[in-house]
Amino acid sequence: MPPPAGEKSSAAAPAAPQNAAPSAPASTSVKPGLTVVGTKPEVTPEDKELMARGYKLEMRHGEKYFCRREQQIGSRFETKSCNTAESIEAQRLNGQEAMRSIQSDRPQIGK
């Protein structure tokens, strides 16, 4: 029986295979937020120390960022924390200064 007027016959066009994967572009993909500059960044001894402490180096807009995953207290989820080497060092120094301040303010017991 021919199709009613105004409708196209589905038998005329071959069906596309349903399990075929969509074609991907030939170019390589880069993670979002990661800017690749032509060459690898120069790694200093300070950078190597941060990487030994568990940080991973990422380049963003031509600047080095050091990232690591940290587990949140009270949760099983991890968050990615990224900072520059200077800000990580500043946080470390602030923590040491806070520890010294707490220890010097503590009363001496037994003396």
PDB file of N, CA and C in Angstrom:
ATOM      1  N   MET A   1       0.842  -1.169   0.000  1.00  0.00           N
ATOM      2  CA  MET A   1       0.000   0.000   0.000  1.00  0.00           C
ATOM      3  C   MET A   1       0.893   1.240   0.000  1.00  0.00           C
ATOM      4  N   PRO A   2       0.706   2.183  -0.897  1.00  0.00           N
ATOM      5  CA  PRO A   2       1.532   3.389  -0.966  1.00  0.00           C
ATOM      6  C   PRO A   2       1.229   4.308   0.214  1.00  0.00           C
ATOM      7  N   PRO A   3       2.226   5.097   0.618  1.00  0.00           N
ATOM      8  CA  PRO A   3       1.996   6.007   1.750  1.00  0.00           C
ATOM      9  C   PRO A   3       0.995   7.079   1.375  1.00  0.00           C
ATOM     10  N   PRO A   4       0.257   7.592   2.361  1.00  0.00           N
ATOM     11  CA  PRO A   4      -0.710   8.650   2.079  1.00  0.00           C
ATOM     12  C   PRO A   4      -0.016   9.888   1.529  1.00  0.00           C
ATOM     13  N   ALA A   5      -0.794  10.740   0.849  1.00  0.00           N
ATOM     14  CA  ALA A   5      -0.240  11.942   0.231  1.00  0.00           C
ATOM     15  C   ALA A   5       0.355  12.841   1.307  1.00  0.00           C
ATOM     16  N   GLY A   6       1.543  13.414   1.039  1.00  0.00           N
ATOM     17  CA  GLY A   6       2.194  14.328   1.976  1.00  0.00           C
ATOM     18  C   GLY A   6       3.184  13.631   2.899  1.00  0.00           C
ATOM     19  N   GLU A   7       3.192  12.298   2.949  1.00  0.00           N
ATOM     20  CA  GLU A   7       4.144  11.576   3.782  1.00  0.00           C
ATOM     21  C   GLU A   7       5.183  10.927   2.901  1.00  0.00           C
ATOM     22  N   LYS A   8       6.434  10.877   3.407  1.00  0.00           N
ATOM     23  CA  LYS A   8       7.504  10.259   2.647  1.00  0.00           C
ATOM     24  C   LYS A   8       7.635   8.816   3.080  1.00  0.00           C
ATOM     25  N   SER A   9       8.060   8.016   2.163  1.00  0.00           N
ATOM     26  CA  SER A   9       8.266   6.608   2.450  1.00  0.00           C
ATOM     27  C   SER A   9       9.602   6.437   3.154  1.00  0.00           C
ATOM     28  N   SER A  10       9.632   5.694   4.260  1.00  0.00           N
ATOM     29  CA  SER A  10      10.874   5.476   4.994  1.00  0.00           C
ATOM     30  C   SER A  10      11.727   4.413   4.324  1.00  0.00           C
ATOM     31  N   ALA A  11      11.161   3.651   3.405  1.00  0.00           N
ATOM     32  CA  ALA A  11      11.905   2.603   2.729  1.00  0.00           C
ATOM     33  C   ALA A  11      12.834   3.184   1.662  1.00  0.00           C
ATOM     34  N   ALA A  12      12.586   4.406   1.213  1.00  0.00           N
ATOM     35  CA  ALA A  12      13.382   4.991   0.156  1.00  0.00           C
ATOM     36  C   ALA A  12      14.792   5.353   0.632  1.00  0.00           C
ATOM     37  N   ALA A  13      14.949   5.824   1.857  1.00  0.00           N
ATOM     38  CA  ALA A  13      16.262   6.236   2.360  1.00  0.00           C
ATOM     39  C   ALA A  13      16.840   5.114   3.209  1.00  0.00           C
ATOM     40  N   PRO A  14      18.130   4.781   3.004  1.00  0.00           N
ATOM     41  CA  PRO A  14      18.725   3.741   3.838  1.00  0.00           C
ATOM     42  C   PRO A  14      18.896   4.242   5.263  1.00  0.00           C
ATOM     43  N   ALA A  15      18.672   3.369   6.216  1.00  0.00           N
ATOM     44  CA  ALA A  15      18.782   3.740   7.623  1.00  0.00           C
ATOM     45  C   ALA A  15      20.249   3.776   8.026  1.00  0.00           C
ATOM     46  N   ALA A  16      20.604   4.736   8.848  1.00  0.00           N
ATOM     47  CA  ALA A  16      21.992   4.840   9.351  1.00  0.00           C
ATOM     48  C   ALA A  16      22.177   3.808  10.446  1.00  0.00           C
ATOM     49  N   PRO A  17      23.360   3.228  10.541  1.00  0.00           N
ATOM     50  CA  PRO A  17      23.580   2.244  11.595  1.00  0.00           C
ATOM     51  C   PRO A  17      23.447   2.895  12.966  1.00  0.00           C
ATOM     52  N   GLN A  18      22.718   2.230  13.853  1.00  0.00           N
ATOM     53  CA  GLN A  18      22.432   2.816  15.158  1.00  0.00           C
ATOM     54  C   GLN A  18      23.589   2.653  16.134  1.00  0.00           C
ATOM     55  N   ASN A  19      24.435   1.660  15.958  1.00  0.00           N
ATOM     56  CA  ASN A  19      25.505   1.443  16.908  1.00  0.00           C
ATOM     57  C   ASN A  19      26.820   2.079  16.467  1.00  0.00           C
ATOM     58  N   ALA A  20      26.799   2.887  15.427  1.00  0.00           N
ATOM     59  CA  ALA A  20      28.025   3.529  14.957  1.00  0.00           C
ATOM     60  C   ALA A  20      28.378   4.683  15.892  1.00  0.00           C
ATOM     61  N   ALA A  21      29.668   4.795  16.241  1.00  0.00           N
ATOM     62  CA  ALA A  21      30.134   5.868  17.118  1.00  0.00           C
ATOM     63  C   ALA A  21      30.232   7.153  16.316  1.00  0.00           C
ATOM     64  N   PRO A  22      29.923   8.296  16.942  1.00  0.00           N
ATOM     65  CA  PRO A  22      30.057   9.558  16.223  1.00  0.00           C
ATOM     66  C   PRO A  22      31.532   9.822  15.931  1.00  0.00           C
ATOM     67  N   SER A  23      31.789  10.419  14.801  1.00  0.00           N
ATOM     68  CA  SER A  23      33.182  10.656  14.424  1.00  0.00           C
ATOM     69  C   SER A  23      33.761  11.772  15.275  1.00  0.00           C
ATOM     70  N   ALA A  24      34.984  11.569  15.754  1.00  0.00           N
ATOM     71  CA  ALA A  24      35.667  12.554  16.582  1.00  0.00           C
ATOM     72  C   ALA A  24      36.576  13.391  15.702  1.00  0.00           C
ATOM     73  N   PRO A  25      36.814  14.641  16.098  1.00  0.00           N
ATOM     74  CA  PRO A  25      37.721  15.457  15.304  1.00  0.00           C
ATOM     75  C   PRO A  25      39.134  14.885  15.374  1.00  0.00           C
ATOM     76  N   ALA A  26      39.913  15.144  14.354  1.00  0.00           N
ATOM     77  CA  ALA A  26      41.257  14.590  14.258  1.00  0.00           C
ATOM     78  C   ALA A  26      42.240  15.271  15.204  1.00  0.00           C
ATOM     79  N   SER A  27      41.916  16.467  15.712  1.00  0.00           N
ATOM     80  CA  SER A  27      42.853  17.181  16.579  1.00  0.00           C
ATOM     81  C   SER A  27      42.866  16.560  17.970  1.00  0.00           C
ATOM     82  N   THR A  28      43.957  16.785  18.698  1.00  0.00           N
ATOM     83  CA  THR A  28      44.051  16.273  20.062  1.00  0.00           C
ATOM     84  C   THR A  28      43.279  17.187  20.992  1.00  0.00           C
ATOM     85  N   SER A  29      42.731  16.619  22.043  1.00  0.00           N
ATOM     86  CA  SER A  29      41.936  17.422  22.960  1.00  0.00           C
ATOM     87  C   SER A  29      42.797  17.838  24.147  1.00  0.00           C
ATOM     88  N   VAL A  30      42.450  18.966  24.731  1.00  0.00           N
ATOM     89  CA  VAL A  30      43.139  19.507  25.896  1.00  0.00           C
ATOM     90  C   VAL A  30      42.097  19.707  26.977  1.00  0.00           C
ATOM     91  N   LYS A  31      42.469  19.400  28.236  1.00  0.00           N
ATOM     92  CA  LYS A  31      41.532  19.560  29.339  1.00  0.00           C
ATOM     93  C   LYS A  31      41.093  21.020  29.445  1.00  0.00           C
ATOM     94  N   PRO A  32      39.819  21.269  29.768  1.00  0.00           N
ATOM     95  CA  PRO A  32      39.372  22.647  29.928  1.00  0.00           C
ATOM     96  C   PRO A  32      40.120  23.302  31.089  1.00  0.00           C
ATOM     97  N   GLY A  33      40.450  24.560  30.931  1.00  0.00           N
ATOM     98  CA  GLY A  33      41.135  25.288  31.978  1.00  0.00           C
ATOM     99  C   GLY A  33      42.640  25.105  31.943  1.00  0.00           C
ATOM    100  N   LEU A  34      43.121  24.231  31.093  1.00  0.00           N
ATOM    101  CA  LEU A  34      44.550  23.965  30.999  1.00  0.00           C
ATOM    102  C   LEU A  34      45.067  24.597  29.720  1.00  0.00           C
ATOM    103  N   THR A  35      45.944  25.572  29.868  1.00  0.00           N
ATOM    104  CA  THR A  35      46.498  26.243  28.712  1.00  0.00           C
ATOM    105  C   THR A  35      47.881  25.687  28.452  1.00  0.00           C
ATOM    106  N   VAL A  36      48.092  25.183  27.278  1.00  0.00           N
ATOM    107  CA  VAL A  36      49.376  24.600  26.927  1.00  0.00           C
ATOM    108  C   VAL A  36      50.180  25.634  26.166  1.00  0.00           C
ATOM    109  N   VAL A  37      51.375  25.920  26.674  1.00  0.00           N
ATOM    110  CA  VAL A  37      52.284  26.829  26.003  1.00  0.00           C
ATOM    111  C   VAL A  37      53.291  25.948  25.287  1.00  0.00           C
ATOM    112  N   GLY A  38      53.701  26.310  24.092  1.00  0.00           N
ATOM    113  CA  GLY A  38      54.544  25.530  23.210  1.00  0.00           C
ATOM    114  C   GLY A  38      55.499  24.533  23.838  1.00  0.00           C
ATOM    115  N   THR A  39      56.188  24.874  24.914  1.00  0.00           N
ATOM    116  CA  THR A  39      57.155  23.971  25.515  1.00  0.00           C
ATOM    117  C   THR A  39      56.776  23.679  26.952  1.00  0.00           C
ATOM    118  N   LYS A  40      57.486  22.708  27.539  1.00  0.00           N
ATOM    119  CA  LYS A  40      57.247  22.388  28.938  1.00  0.00           C
ATOM    120  C   LYS A  40      57.768  23.524  29.808  1.00  0.00           C
ATOM    121  N   PRO A  41      57.098  23.792  30.940  1.00  0.00           N
ATOM    122  CA  PRO A  41      57.578  24.854  31.817  1.00  0.00           C
ATOM    123  C   PRO A  41      58.876  24.434  32.493  1.00  0.00           C
ATOM    124  N   GLU A  42      59.693  25.403  32.816  1.00  0.00           N
ATOM    125  CA  GLU A  42      60.936  25.132  33.515  1.00  0.00           C
ATOM    126  C   GLU A  42      60.605  24.791  34.963  1.00  0.00           C
ATOM    127  N   VAL A  43      61.128  23.669  35.440  1.00  0.00           N
ATOM    128  CA  VAL A  43      60.833  23.208  36.796  1.00  0.00           C
ATOM    129  C   VAL A  43      62.019  23.555  37.688  1.00  0.00           C
ATOM    130  N   THR A  44      61.737  24.355  38.729  1.00  0.00           N
ATOM    131  CA  THR A  44      62.770  24.771  39.674  1.00  0.00           C
ATOM    132  C   THR A  44      62.840  23.773  40.828  1.00  0.00           C
ATOM    133  N   PRO A  45      63.879  23.839  41.652  1.00  0.00           N
ATOM    134  CA  PRO A  45      63.945  22.951  42.832  1.00  0.00           C
ATOM    135  C   PRO A  45      62.756  23.130  43.774  1.00  0.00           C
ATOM    136  N   GLU A  46      62.261  24.367  43.896  1.00  0.00           N
ATOM    137  CA  GLU A  46      61.074  24.601  44.739  1.00  0.00           C
ATOM    138  C   GLU A  46      59.847  23.889  44.162  1.00  0.00           C
ATOM    139  N   ASP A  47      59.746  23.903  42.833  1.00  0.00           N
ATOM    140  CA  ASP A  47      58.642  23.202  42.172  1.00  0.00           C
ATOM    141  C   ASP A  47      58.742  21.704  42.416  1.00  0.00           C
ATOM    142  N   LYS A  48      59.958  21.168  42.352  1.00  0.00           N
ATOM    143  CA  LYS A  48      60.157  19.737  42.594  1.00  0.00           C
ATOM    144  C   LYS A  48      59.773  19.368  44.017  1.00  0.00           C
ATOM    145  N   GLU A  49      60.060  20.262  44.978  1.00  0.00           N
ATOM    146  CA  GLU A  49      59.676  19.998  46.369  1.00  0.00           C
ATOM    147  C   GLU A  49      58.156  19.921  46.510  1.00  0.00           C
ATOM    148  N   LEU A  50      57.442  20.843  45.864  1.00  0.00           N
ATOM    149  CA  LEU A  50      55.976  20.825  45.917  1.00  0.00           C
ATOM    150  C   LEU A  50      55.423  19.558  45.277  1.00  0.00           C
ATOM    151  N   MET A  51      56.018  19.119  44.172  1.00  0.00           N
ATOM    152  CA  MET A  51      55.554  17.902  43.512  1.00  0.00           C
ATOM    153  C   MET A  51      55.842  16.675  44.385  1.00  0.00           C
ATOM    154  N   ALA A  52      56.942  16.708  45.148  1.00  0.00           N
ATOM    155  CA  ALA A  52      57.239  15.611  46.070  1.00  0.00           C
ATOM    156  C   ALA A  52      56.242  15.576  47.222  1.00  0.00           C
ATOM    157  N   ARG A  53      55.631  16.724  47.550  1.00  0.00           N
ATOM    158  CA  ARG A  53      54.625  16.796  48.615  1.00  0.00           C
ATOM    159  C   ARG A  53      53.224  16.456  48.109  1.00  0.00           C
ATOM    160  N   GLY A  54      53.105  16.025  46.850  1.00  0.00           N
ATOM    161  CA  GLY A  54      51.821  15.555  46.337  1.00  0.00           C
ATOM    162  C   GLY A  54      51.106  16.507  45.402  1.00  0.00           C
ATOM    163  N   TYR A  55      51.696  17.625  45.080  1.00  0.00           N
ATOM    164  CA  TYR A  55      51.069  18.574  44.159  1.00  0.00           C
ATOM    165  C   TYR A  55      51.391  18.186  42.723  1.00  0.00           C
ATOM    166  N   LYS A  56      50.493  18.528  41.815  1.00  0.00           N
ATOM    167  CA  LYS A  56      50.714  18.314  40.384  1.00  0.00           C
ATOM    168  C   LYS A  56      50.771  19.679  39.714  1.00  0.00           C
ATOM    169  N   LEU A  57      51.703  19.832  38.796  1.00  0.00           N
ATOM    170  CA  LEU A  57      51.913  21.098  38.104  1.00  0.00           C
ATOM    171  C   LEU A  57      50.915  21.244  36.966  1.00  0.00           C
ATOM    172  N   GLU A  58      50.262  22.402  36.910  1.00  0.00           N
ATOM    173  CA  GLU A  58      49.362  22.747  35.805  1.00  0.00           C
ATOM    174  C   GLU A  58      49.705  24.152  35.343  1.00  0.00           C
ATOM    175  N   MET A  59      49.637  24.367  34.048  1.00  0.00           N
ATOM    176  CA  MET A  59      49.852  25.702  33.494  1.00  0.00           C
ATOM    177  C   MET A  59      48.501  26.310  33.153  1.00  0.00           C
ATOM    178  N   ARG A  60      48.261  27.516  33.651  1.00  0.00           N
ATOM    179  CA  ARG A  60      47.020  28.236  33.364  1.00  0.00           C
ATOM    180  C   ARG A  60      47.384  29.656  32.952  1.00  0.00           C
ATOM    181  N   HIS A  61      47.062  30.001  31.747  1.00  0.00           N
ATOM    182  CA  HIS A  61      47.312  31.339  31.213  1.00  0.00           C
ATOM    183  C   HIS A  61      48.776  31.730  31.390  1.00  0.00           C
ATOM    184  N   GLY A  62      49.680  30.784  31.176  1.00  0.00           N
ATOM    185  CA  GLY A  62      51.102  31.051  31.246  1.00  0.00           C
ATOM    186  C   GLY A  62      51.663  31.101  32.654  1.00  0.00           C
ATOM    187  N   GLU A  63      50.884  30.762  33.664  1.00  0.00           N
ATOM    188  CA  GLU A  63      51.335  30.801  35.056  1.00  0.00           C
ATOM    189  C   GLU A  63      51.273  29.395  35.637  1.00  0.00           C
ATOM    190  N   LYS A  64      52.239  29.062  36.490  1.00  0.00           N
ATOM    191  CA  LYS A  64      52.288  27.741  37.110  1.00  0.00           C
ATOM    192  C   LYS A  64      51.342  27.684  38.301  1.00  0.00           C
ATOM    193  N   TYR A  65      50.526  26.637  38.337  1.00  0.00           N
ATOM    194  CA  TYR A  65      49.657  26.360  39.478  1.00  0.00           C
ATOM    195  C   TYR A  65      49.949  24.939  39.945  1.00  0.00           C
ATOM    196  N   PHE A  66      49.903  24.747  41.244  1.00  0.00           N
ATOM    197  CA  PHE A  66      50.124  23.437  41.826  1.00  0.00           C
ATOM    198  C   PHE A  66      48.816  22.985  42.445  1.00  0.00           C
ATOM    199  N   CYS A  67      48.349  21.810  42.034  1.00  0.00           N
ATOM    200  CA  CYS A  67      47.037  21.320  42.444  1.00  0.00           C
ATOM    201  C   CYS A  67      47.168  19.976  43.140  1.00  0.00           C
ATOM    202  N   ARG A  68      46.254  19.722  44.062  1.00  0.00           N
ATOM    203  CA  ARG A  68      46.143  18.396  44.659  1.00  0.00           C
ATOM    204  C   ARG A  68      44.716  18.203  45.135  1.00  0.00           C
ATOM    205  N   ARG A  69      44.350  16.947  45.269  1.00  0.00           N
ATOM    206  CA  ARG A  69      43.007  16.603  45.729  1.00  0.00           C
ATOM    207  C   ARG A  69      43.045  16.452  47.245  1.00  0.00           C
ATOM    208  N   GLU A  70      42.078  17.070  47.914  1.00  0.00           N
ATOM    209  CA  GLU A  70      41.998  17.028  49.363  1.00  0.00           C
ATOM    210  C   GLU A  70      40.617  16.547  49.770  1.00  0.00           C
ATOM    211  N   GLN A  71      40.582  15.658  50.747  1.00  0.00           N
ATOM    212  CA  GLN A  71      39.309  15.140  51.219  1.00  0.00           C
ATOM    213  C   GLN A  71      38.716  16.120  52.221  1.00  0.00           C
ATOM    214  N   GLN A  72      37.432  16.379  52.077  1.00  0.00           N
ATOM    215  CA  GLN A  72      36.738  17.290  52.960  1.00  0.00           C
ATOM    216  C   GLN A  72      36.359  16.586  54.258  1.00  0.00           C
ATOM    217  N   ILE A  73      36.489  17.271  55.360  1.00  0.00           N
ATOM    218  CA  ILE A  73      36.130  16.695  56.654  1.00  0.00           C
ATOM    219  C   ILE A  73      34.627  16.449  56.675  1.00  0.00           C
ATOM    220  N   GLY A  74      34.235  15.245  57.094  1.00  0.00           N
ATOM    221  CA  GLY A  74      32.823  14.900  57.168  1.00  0.00           C
ATOM    222  C   GLY A  74      32.224  14.483  55.840  1.00  0.00           C
ATOM    223  N   SER A  75      33.048  14.244  54.847  1.00  0.00           N
ATOM    224  CA  SER A  75      32.551  13.869  53.534  1.00  0.00           C
ATOM    225  C   SER A  75      33.515  12.876  52.896  1.00  0.00           C
ATOM    226  N   ARG A  76      33.000  12.098  51.979  1.00  0.00           N
ATOM    227  CA  ARG A  76      33.853  11.191  51.228  1.00  0.00           C
ATOM    228  C   ARG A  76      34.318  11.814  49.916  1.00  0.00           C
ATOM    229  N   PHE A  77      33.808  12.984  49.630  1.00  0.00           N
ATOM    230  CA  PHE A  77      34.159  13.655  48.387  1.00  0.00           C
ATOM    231  C   PHE A  77      35.468  14.403  48.535  1.00  0.00           C
ATOM    232  N   GLU A  78      36.219  14.460  47.445  1.00  0.00           N
ATOM    233  CA  GLU A  78      37.460  15.206  47.407  1.00  0.00           C
ATOM    234  C   GLU A  78      37.255  16.459  46.574  1.00  0.00           C
ATOM    235  N   THR A  79      37.997  17.496  46.921  1.00  0.00           N
ATOM    236  CA  THR A  79      37.979  18.707  46.117  1.00  0.00           C
ATOM    237  C   THR A  79      39.379  18.954  45.585  1.00  0.00           C
ATOM    238  N   LYS A  80      39.448  19.612  44.463  1.00  0.00           N
ATOM    239  CA  LYS A  80      40.737  19.937  43.863  1.00  0.00           C
ATOM    240  C   LYS A  80      41.103  21.345  44.308  1.00  0.00           C
ATOM    241  N   SER A  81      42.272  21.453  44.932  1.00  0.00           N
ATOM    242  CA  SER A  81      42.753  22.729  45.438  1.00  0.00           C
ATOM    243  C   SER A  81      43.982  23.136  44.631  1.00  0.00           C
ATOM    244  N   CYS A  82      43.938  24.325  44.021  1.00  0.00           N
ATOM    245  CA  CYS A  82      45.045  24.809  43.207  1.00  0.00           C
ATOM    246  C   CYS A  82      45.490  26.182  43.688  1.00  0.00           C
ATOM    247  N   ASN A  83      46.812  26.367  43.797  1.00  0.00           N
ATOM    248  CA  ASN A  83      47.394  27.639  44.192  1.00  0.00           C
ATOM    249  C   ASN A  83      48.731  27.807  43.490  1.00  0.00           C
ATOM    250  N   THR A  84      49.236  29.033  43.521  1.00  0.00           N
ATOM    251  CA  THR A  84      50.573  29.275  43.006  1.00  0.00           C
ATOM    252  C   THR A  84      51.586  28.858  44.062  1.00  0.00           C
ATOM    253  N   ALA A  85      52.830  28.689  43.666  1.00  0.00           N
ATOM    254  CA  ALA A  85      53.882  28.296  44.606  1.00  0.00           C
ATOM    255  C   ALA A  85      54.042  29.341  45.700  1.00  0.00           C
ATOM    256  N   GLU A  86      53.914  30.602  45.348  1.00  0.00           N
ATOM    257  CA  GLU A  86      54.058  31.675  46.333  1.00  0.00           C
ATOM    258  C   GLU A  86      52.965  31.615  47.394  1.00  0.00           C
ATOM    259  N   SER A  87      51.719  31.366  46.984  1.00  0.00           N
ATOM    260  CA  SER A  87      50.627  31.320  47.960  1.00  0.00           C
ATOM    261  C   SER A  87      50.719  30.072  48.836  1.00  0.00           C
ATOM    262  N   ILE A  88      51.201  28.965  48.293  1.00  0.00           N
ATOM    263  CA  ILE A  88      51.377  27.753  49.103  1.00  0.00           C
ATOM    264  C   ILE A  88      52.451  27.996  50.154  1.00  0.00           C
ATOM    265  N   GLU A  89      53.548  28.643  49.773  1.00  0.00           N
ATOM    266  CA  GLU A  89      54.630  28.949  50.715  1.00  0.00           C
ATOM    267  C   GLU A  89      54.141  29.933  51.783  1.00  0.00           C
ATOM    268  N   ALA A  90      53.357  30.923  51.396  1.00  0.00           N
ATOM    269  CA  ALA A  90      52.816  31.884  52.361  1.00  0.00           C
ATOM    270  C   ALA A  90      51.909  31.187  53.371  1.00  0.00           C
ATOM    271  N   GLN A  91      51.080  30.253  52.910  1.00  0.00           N
ATOM    272  CA  GLN A  91      50.214  29.505  53.823  1.00  0.00           C
ATOM    273  C   GLN A  91      51.037  28.675  54.795  1.00  0.00           C
ATOM    274  N   ARG A  92      52.117  28.068  54.305  1.00  0.00           N
ATOM    275  CA  ARG A  92      52.976  27.254  55.160  1.00  0.00           C
ATOM    276  C   ARG A  92      53.636  28.118  56.233  1.00  0.00           C
ATOM    277  N   LEU A  93      54.148  29.291  55.846  1.00  0.00           N
ATOM    278  CA  LEU A  93      54.785  30.193  56.804  1.00  0.00           C
ATOM    279  C   LEU A  93      53.790  30.724  57.830  1.00  0.00           C
ATOM    280  N   ASN A  94      52.565  31.036  57.391  1.00  0.00           N
ATOM    281  CA  ASN A  94      51.528  31.495  58.322  1.00  0.00           C
ATOM    282  C   ASN A  94      51.186  30.407  59.336  1.00  0.00           C
ATOM    283  N   GLY A  95      51.139  29.171  58.884  1.00  0.00           N
ATOM    284  CA  GLY A  95      50.867  28.057  59.794  1.00  0.00           C
ATOM    285  C   GLY A  95      51.970  27.877  60.820  1.00  0.00           C
ATOM    286  N   GLN A  96      53.230  28.006  60.380  1.00  0.00           N
ATOM    287  CA  GLN A  96      54.353  27.894  61.309  1.00  0.00           C
ATOM    288  C   GLN A  96      54.327  29.027  62.328  1.00  0.00           C
ATOM    289  N   GLU A  97      54.031  30.233  61.882  1.00  0.00           N
ATOM    290  CA  GLU A  97      53.969  31.388  62.786  1.00  0.00           C
ATOM    291  C   GLU A  97      52.837  31.221  63.798  1.00  0.00           C
ATOM    292  N   ALA A  98      51.699  30.718  63.360  1.00  0.00           N
ATOM    293  CA  ALA A  98      50.578  30.485  64.276  1.00  0.00           C
ATOM    294  C   ALA A  98      50.959  29.438  65.324  1.00  0.00           C
ATOM    295  N   MET A  99      51.668  28.394  64.908  1.00  0.00           N
ATOM    296  CA  MET A  99      52.101  27.352  65.844  1.00  0.00           C
ATOM    297  C   MET A  99      53.078  27.921  66.867  1.00  0.00           C
ATOM    298  N   ARG A 100      54.032  28.730  66.437  1.00  0.00           N
ATOM    299  CA  ARG A 100      54.978  29.363  67.367  1.00  0.00           C
ATOM    300  C   ARG A 100      54.250  30.259  68.357  1.00  0.00           C
ATOM    301  N   SER A 101      53.272  31.018  67.872  1.00  0.00           N
ATOM    302  CA  SER A 101      52.509  31.919  68.733  1.00  0.00           C
ATOM    303  C   SER A 101      51.738  31.143  69.797  1.00  0.00           C
ATOM    304  N   ILE A 102      51.118  30.060  69.406  1.00  0.00           N
ATOM    305  CA  ILE A 102      50.350  29.239  70.350  1.00  0.00           C
ATOM    306  C   ILE A 102      51.283  28.629  71.389  1.00  0.00           C
ATOM    307  N   GLN A 103      52.419  28.134  70.944  1.00  0.00           N
ATOM    308  CA  GLN A 103      53.345  27.489  71.871  1.00  0.00           C
ATOM    309  C   GLN A 103      53.974  28.491  72.833  1.00  0.00           C
ATOM    310  N   SER A 104      54.232  29.713  72.398  1.00  0.00           N
ATOM    311  CA  SER A 104      54.847  30.697  73.292  1.00  0.00           C
ATOM    312  C   SER A 104      53.842  31.259  74.283  1.00  0.00           C
ATOM    313  N   ASP A 105      52.563  31.257  73.985  1.00  0.00           N
ATOM    314  CA  ASP A 105      51.531  31.763  74.886  1.00  0.00           C
ATOM    315  C   ASP A 105      51.090  30.743  75.926  1.00  0.00           C
ATOM    316  N   ARG A 106      51.492  29.503  75.753  1.00  0.00           N
ATOM    317  CA  ARG A 106      51.085  28.430  76.647  1.00  0.00           C
ATOM    318  C   ARG A 106      51.834  28.549  77.974  1.00  0.00           C
ATOM    319  N   PRO A 107      51.136  28.428  79.106  1.00  0.00           N
ATOM    320  CA  PRO A 107      51.838  28.492  80.393  1.00  0.00           C
ATOM    321  C   PRO A 107      52.716  27.266  80.596  1.00  0.00           C
ATOM    322  N   GLN A 108      53.872  27.480  81.195  1.00  0.00           N
ATOM    323  CA  GLN A 108      54.807  26.394  81.478  1.00  0.00           C
ATOM    324  C   GLN A 108      54.365  25.682  82.754  1.00  0.00           C
ATOM    325  N   ILE A 109      54.128  24.398  82.680  1.00  0.00           N
ATOM    326  CA  ILE A 109      53.676  23.604  83.820  1.00  0.00           C
ATOM    327  C   ILE A 109      54.893  22.985  84.491  1.00  0.00           C
ATOM    328  N   GLY A 110      54.972  23.120  85.823  1.00  0.00           N
ATOM    329  CA  GLY A 110      56.057  22.477  86.582  1.00  0.00           C
ATOM    330  C   GLY A 110      57.304  23.325  86.662  1.00  0.00           C
ATOM    331  N   LYS A 111      57.304  24.550  86.241  1.00  0.00           N
ATOM    332  CA  LYS A 111      58.499  25.387  86.336  1.00  0.00           C
ATOM    333  C   LYS A 111      58.233  26.628  87.111  1.00  0.00           C
TER     334      LYS A 111
END
